[in-house]
């Protein structure tokens, strides 16, 4: 609990500094909402020509877009500091974190806050809400509980992938998170049904880097499709992804050599 309280206080300090510039805050918020609105307009244009994509309807794909937006929003709002890891390693700034009585990975994660994450969470939540309202989902108390657990697990998968790919900077030692950014961009493929891709890409998104568990398989569970049972594995995949990300980060931290002079 003490660690969590400190984490919240670190994020709060960054949030207060960002709110000193209210104009920037509202511009970033508006820009993110506009981007998500453009995504929905893009989908509307596609589905105006075709009724379904491999059996997946407009609202099912909107739900996938919403899942990705919420997961990215949580990652930006609460763990944006991961994207500064490569710079901190290159400049030797990890030195300061090593001597503090607080986990290094949490210091890194809380070293910045992405205010655009808030608008991503709101817009993604709205997309999910409208999609669920239009999808034939038989809601029961058990199904609601499972859906919430799968949603939290999907977010954990996305955050774990961000941490693992950014931790590659311990080996690459570049000041820019190019590898992590490239993997993040590949994650945009998870906004669409996995069945539209060739088998090699399905394997990559489903197992190598499990982006499919951020959106496709959770939505498949909600709709009770043929892949519904795989969606139930999302919590297990999330636990595996978090453990692997922590292991990669700790292995990288052990080989950290500072920046010299």
Protein backbone atom coordinates (compact mmCIF):
# COMPACT_ATOMS: atom_id res chain seq x y z
CA UNK A 1 0.00 0.00 0.00
CA UNK A 2 2.87 2.36 0.75
CA UNK A 3 4.34 1.70 -2.70
CA UNK A 4 1.00 2.39 -4.35
CA UNK A 5 0.50 5.62 -2.38
CA UNK A 6 3.94 6.83 -3.46
CA UNK A 7 3.16 5.90 -7.07
CA UNK A 8 -0.06 7.92 -7.00
CA UNK A 9 1.77 10.88 -5.45
CA UNK A 10 4.44 10.78 -8.16
CA UNK A 11 1.80 10.76 -10.88
CA UNK A 12 -0.10 13.52 -9.09
CA UNK A 13 2.98 15.75 -9.12
CA UNK A 14 3.34 15.33 -12.88
CA UNK A 15 -0.37 15.93 -13.41
CA UNK A 16 -0.29 19.18 -11.44
CA UNK A 17 2.67 20.40 -13.49
CA UNK A 18 0.80 19.62 -16.73
CA UNK A 19 -2.31 21.42 -15.55
CA UNK A 20 -0.27 24.60 -15.11
CA UNK A 21 -0.72 25.02 -18.87
CA UNK A 22 -4.46 24.62 -19.34
CA UNK A 23 -4.38 25.52 -23.02
CA UNK A 24 -2.00 22.65 -23.81
CA UNK A 25 -4.13 20.30 -21.72
CA UNK A 26 -7.31 21.02 -23.69
CA UNK A 27 -5.55 20.97 -27.06
CA UNK A 28 -4.13 17.50 -26.35
CA UNK A 29 -7.48 16.26 -25.07
CA UNK A 30 -9.34 17.60 -28.11
CA UNK A 31 -6.75 16.22 -30.51
CA UNK A 32 -7.03 12.71 -29.09
CA UNK A 33 -10.83 12.75 -29.20
CA UNK A 34 -10.74 13.97 -32.82
CA UNK A 35 -8.37 11.15 -33.73
CA UNK A 36 -10.72 8.54 -32.26
CA UNK A 37 -13.67 10.18 -34.03
CA UNK A 38 -11.75 9.92 -37.32
CA UNK A 39 -11.22 6.20 -36.62
CA UNK A 40 -14.96 5.67 -36.19
CA UNK A 41 -15.67 7.70 -39.35
CA UNK A 42 -13.16 5.53 -41.21
CA UNK A 43 -14.93 2.39 -40.03
CA UNK A 44 -18.30 3.84 -40.99
CA UNK A 45 -17.02 4.50 -44.51
CA UNK A 46 -15.79 0.91 -44.82
CA UNK A 47 -18.97 -0.70 -43.50
CA UNK A 48 -21.11 1.56 -45.66
CA UNK A 49 -19.78 -0.51 -48.57
CA UNK A 50 -19.60 -3.97 -46.95
CA UNK A 51 -22.02 -5.36 -44.33
CA UNK A 52 -19.37 -7.38 -42.50
CA UNK A 53 -15.68 -8.30 -42.61
CA UNK A 54 -15.21 -12.06 -42.35
CA UNK A 55 -18.42 -12.21 -40.35
CA UNK A 56 -17.50 -9.31 -38.02
CA UNK A 57 -20.01 -6.45 -37.97
CA UNK A 58 -19.42 -2.72 -37.62
CA UNK A 59 -20.15 -2.64 -33.89
CA UNK A 60 -17.93 -5.64 -33.20
CA UNK A 61 -14.98 -3.85 -34.84
CA UNK A 62 -15.87 -0.64 -32.96
CA UNK A 63 -15.61 -2.68 -29.74
CA UNK A 64 -12.10 -3.78 -30.78
CA UNK A 65 -11.13 -0.16 -31.48
CA UNK A 66 -12.53 0.78 -28.07
CA UNK A 67 -10.54 -1.95 -26.28
CA UNK A 68 -7.29 -0.78 -27.88
CA UNK A 69 -8.08 2.87 -27.06
CA UNK A 70 -8.80 2.11 -23.39
CA UNK A 71 -5.66 -0.03 -23.05
CA UNK A 72 -3.48 2.62 -24.68
CA UNK A 73 -5.13 5.30 -22.55
CA UNK A 74 -4.33 3.51 -19.31
CA UNK A 75 -0.77 2.94 -20.50
CA UNK A 76 -0.32 6.63 -21.35
CA UNK A 77 -1.99 8.03 -18.25
CA UNK A 78 -0.38 5.80 -15.63
CA UNK A 79 2.77 4.34 -17.24
CA UNK A 80 3.93 6.93 -19.79
CA UNK A 81 7.39 7.06 -18.17
CA UNK A 82 8.24 3.73 -19.81
CA UNK A 83 8.69 5.60 -23.08
CA UNK A 84 11.48 7.69 -21.49
CA UNK A 85 13.45 4.62 -20.40
CA UNK A 86 15.79 4.58 -23.40
CA UNK A 87 16.73 8.23 -22.82
CA UNK A 88 17.30 7.65 -19.10
CA UNK A 89 19.55 4.67 -19.84
CA UNK A 90 21.50 6.57 -22.49
CA UNK A 91 22.03 9.55 -20.19
CA UNK A 92 22.82 7.49 -17.08
CA UNK A 93 19.78 8.78 -15.18
CA UNK A 94 18.98 5.31 -13.88
CA UNK A 95 21.82 5.90 -11.38
CA UNK A 96 19.58 8.12 -9.25
CA UNK A 97 16.80 5.56 -9.23
CA UNK A 98 19.06 2.73 -8.12
CA UNK A 99 19.87 4.41 -4.80
CA UNK A 100 16.28 5.24 -3.88
CA UNK A 101 14.25 2.88 -1.63
CA UNK A 102 11.57 2.36 -4.26
CA UNK A 103 11.30 -0.17 -7.13
CA UNK A 104 13.16 1.10 -10.19
CA UNK A 105 10.49 -0.09 -12.61
CA UNK A 106 7.85 1.97 -10.78
CA UNK A 107 10.10 5.03 -10.68
CA UNK A 108 10.56 4.73 -14.43
CA UNK A 109 6.84 4.22 -15.07
CA UNK A 110 5.85 7.20 -12.93
CA UNK A 111 8.48 9.55 -14.35
CA UNK A 112 5.97 11.03 -16.79
CA UNK A 113 2.25 11.19 -17.44
CA UNK A 114 0.53 11.24 -20.82
CA UNK A 115 -2.54 13.41 -20.44
CA UNK A 116 -3.78 12.20 -23.82
CA UNK A 117 -4.41 8.89 -22.07
CA UNK A 118 -7.38 10.43 -20.24
CA UNK A 119 -9.17 11.31 -23.47
CA UNK A 120 -8.28 7.90 -24.90
CA UNK A 121 -9.90 6.23 -21.91
CA UNK A 122 -13.03 8.37 -22.22
CA UNK A 123 -13.40 8.00 -25.99
CA UNK A 124 -12.52 4.31 -25.89
CA UNK A 125 -15.02 3.77 -23.09
CA UNK A 126 -17.71 5.50 -25.13
CA UNK A 127 -16.92 3.32 -28.14
CA UNK A 128 -17.14 0.22 -25.97
CA UNK A 129 -20.38 1.39 -24.41
CA UNK A 130 -22.11 2.11 -27.72
CA UNK A 131 -20.78 -1.11 -29.24
CA UNK A 132 -21.99 -3.28 -26.37
CA UNK A 133 -25.39 -1.57 -26.51
CA UNK A 134 -25.73 -2.59 -30.17
CA UNK A 135 -24.31 -6.10 -29.91
CA UNK A 136 -26.44 -9.16 -29.03
CA UNK A 137 -24.69 -9.92 -25.76
CA UNK A 138 -26.73 -11.91 -23.17
CA UNK A 139 -25.62 -10.15 -20.01
CA UNK A 140 -25.70 -12.04 -16.71
CA UNK A 141 -23.93 -11.21 -13.42
CA UNK A 142 -21.32 -13.89 -14.19
CA UNK A 143 -20.75 -12.56 -17.68
CA UNK A 144 -20.36 -9.00 -16.39
CA UNK A 145 -17.76 -10.15 -13.87
CA UNK A 146 -15.87 -12.12 -16.51
CA UNK A 147 -16.00 -9.19 -18.94
CA UNK A 148 -14.53 -6.81 -16.37
CA UNK A 149 -11.79 -9.28 -15.50
CA UNK A 150 -10.94 -9.76 -19.17
CA UNK A 151 -10.91 -5.99 -19.76
CA UNK A 152 -8.43 -5.44 -16.90
CA UNK A 153 -6.33 -8.34 -18.18
CA UNK A 154 -6.31 -6.90 -21.69
CA UNK A 155 -5.01 -3.60 -20.29
CA UNK A 156 -2.31 -5.50 -18.38
CA UNK A 157 -1.20 -7.25 -21.59
CA UNK A 158 -0.78 -3.92 -23.37
CA UNK A 159 1.16 -2.33 -20.50
CA UNK A 160 3.39 -5.42 -20.17
CA UNK A 161 4.24 -5.36 -23.88
CA UNK A 162 5.14 -1.66 -23.57
CA UNK A 163 7.46 -2.38 -20.65
CA UNK A 164 9.12 -5.40 -22.28
CA UNK A 165 9.80 -3.64 -25.59
CA UNK A 166 11.06 -0.47 -23.92
CA UNK A 167 13.34 -2.56 -21.69
CA UNK A 168 15.15 -3.63 -24.87
CA UNK A 169 16.92 -0.27 -24.52
CA UNK A 170 19.18 -1.87 -21.88
CA UNK A 171 20.77 -3.83 -24.74
CA UNK A 172 20.39 -1.33 -27.57
CA UNK A 173 21.41 1.77 -25.54
CA UNK A 174 19.88 4.13 -28.08
CA UNK A 175 18.38 7.40 -26.80
CA UNK A 176 15.17 6.72 -28.78
CA UNK A 177 12.70 3.88 -28.18
CA UNK A 178 12.66 2.91 -31.86
CA UNK A 179 12.11 -0.81 -31.27
CA UNK A 180 9.32 -0.21 -28.76
CA UNK A 181 7.66 2.30 -31.07
CA UNK A 182 7.80 -0.12 -34.01
CA UNK A 183 6.11 -2.84 -31.95
CA UNK A 184 3.56 -0.32 -30.70
CA UNK A 185 2.71 0.62 -34.28
CA UNK A 186 2.29 -3.06 -35.15
CA UNK A 187 -0.24 -3.22 -32.33
CA UNK A 188 -2.60 -1.10 -34.43
CA UNK A 189 -3.29 -4.28 -36.40
CA UNK A 190 -5.18 -5.53 -33.34
CA UNK A 191 -7.91 -3.00 -34.06
CA UNK A 192 -9.26 -5.34 -36.73
CA UNK A 193 -10.40 -8.98 -36.57
CA UNK A 194 -7.51 -11.42 -36.48
CA UNK A 195 -9.22 -13.58 -39.11
CA UNK A 196 -8.56 -11.01 -41.88
CA UNK A 197 -4.79 -11.57 -41.69
CA UNK A 198 -2.65 -14.43 -43.05
CA UNK A 199 -1.72 -17.24 -40.66
CA UNK A 200 1.82 -15.96 -40.00
CA UNK A 201 0.51 -12.58 -38.87
CA UNK A 202 -2.17 -14.28 -36.77
CA UNK A 203 0.52 -16.27 -34.99
CA UNK A 204 2.58 -13.12 -34.40
CA UNK A 205 -0.34 -11.12 -32.97
CA UNK A 206 -1.79 -14.03 -31.04
CA UNK A 207 1.31 -15.57 -29.48
CA UNK A 208 4.64 -13.89 -30.26
CA UNK A 209 3.40 -10.44 -29.19
CA UNK A 210 -0.12 -11.08 -27.83
CA UNK A 211 -1.88 -7.95 -29.08
CA UNK A 212 -4.87 -10.09 -30.07
CA UNK A 213 -5.59 -10.52 -26.35
CA UNK A 214 -5.98 -6.76 -26.04
CA UNK A 215 -8.96 -6.61 -28.40
CA UNK A 216 -9.88 -9.52 -30.68
CA UNK A 217 -10.15 -12.43 -28.25
CA UNK A 218 -11.92 -10.39 -25.51
CA UNK A 219 -14.52 -9.25 -28.06
CA UNK A 220 -14.81 -12.82 -29.35
CA UNK A 221 -15.65 -13.87 -25.80
CA UNK A 222 -18.33 -11.19 -25.49
CA UNK A 223 -19.96 -12.30 -28.73
CA UNK A 224 -19.61 -16.00 -27.85
CA UNK A 225 -17.98 -16.84 -31.20
CA UNK A 226 -15.84 -19.86 -31.99
CA UNK A 227 -12.85 -18.18 -30.30
CA UNK A 228 -14.77 -17.39 -27.08
CA UNK A 229 -12.85 -19.95 -25.05
CA UNK A 230 -9.55 -18.33 -26.08
CA UNK A 231 -10.85 -15.02 -24.72
CA UNK A 232 -11.17 -16.67 -21.31
CA UNK A 233 -7.40 -17.24 -21.39
CA UNK A 234 -6.77 -13.46 -21.34
CA UNK A 235 -6.06 -13.33 -17.55
CA UNK A 236 -3.51 -16.15 -17.90
CA UNK A 237 -1.87 -14.42 -20.87
CA UNK A 238 -1.79 -11.17 -18.88
CA UNK A 239 -0.06 -12.87 -15.94
CA UNK A 240 2.50 -14.43 -18.29
CA UNK A 241 3.09 -11.10 -20.10
CA UNK A 242 3.58 -9.19 -16.83
CA UNK A 243 6.01 -11.80 -15.46
CA UNK A 244 7.98 -11.84 -18.72
CA UNK A 245 8.12 -8.04 -18.84
CA UNK A 246 9.35 -7.89 -15.23
CA UNK A 247 11.97 -10.57 -15.97
CA UNK A 248 13.23 -8.75 -19.08
CA UNK A 249 13.39 -5.43 -17.20
CA UNK A 250 15.29 -6.96 -14.28
CA UNK A 251 17.72 -8.76 -16.59
CA UNK A 252 18.36 -5.49 -18.38
CA UNK A 253 18.77 -3.61 -15.12
CA UNK A 254 21.47 -6.06 -13.98
CA UNK A 255 23.54 -5.26 -17.06
CA UNK A 256 23.08 -1.49 -16.75
CA UNK A 257 26.50 0.23 -16.74
CA UNK A 258 25.59 3.91 -16.41
CA UNK A 259 26.79 6.39 -19.03
CA UNK A 260 30.40 7.06 -18.01
CA UNK A 261 31.74 10.57 -18.39
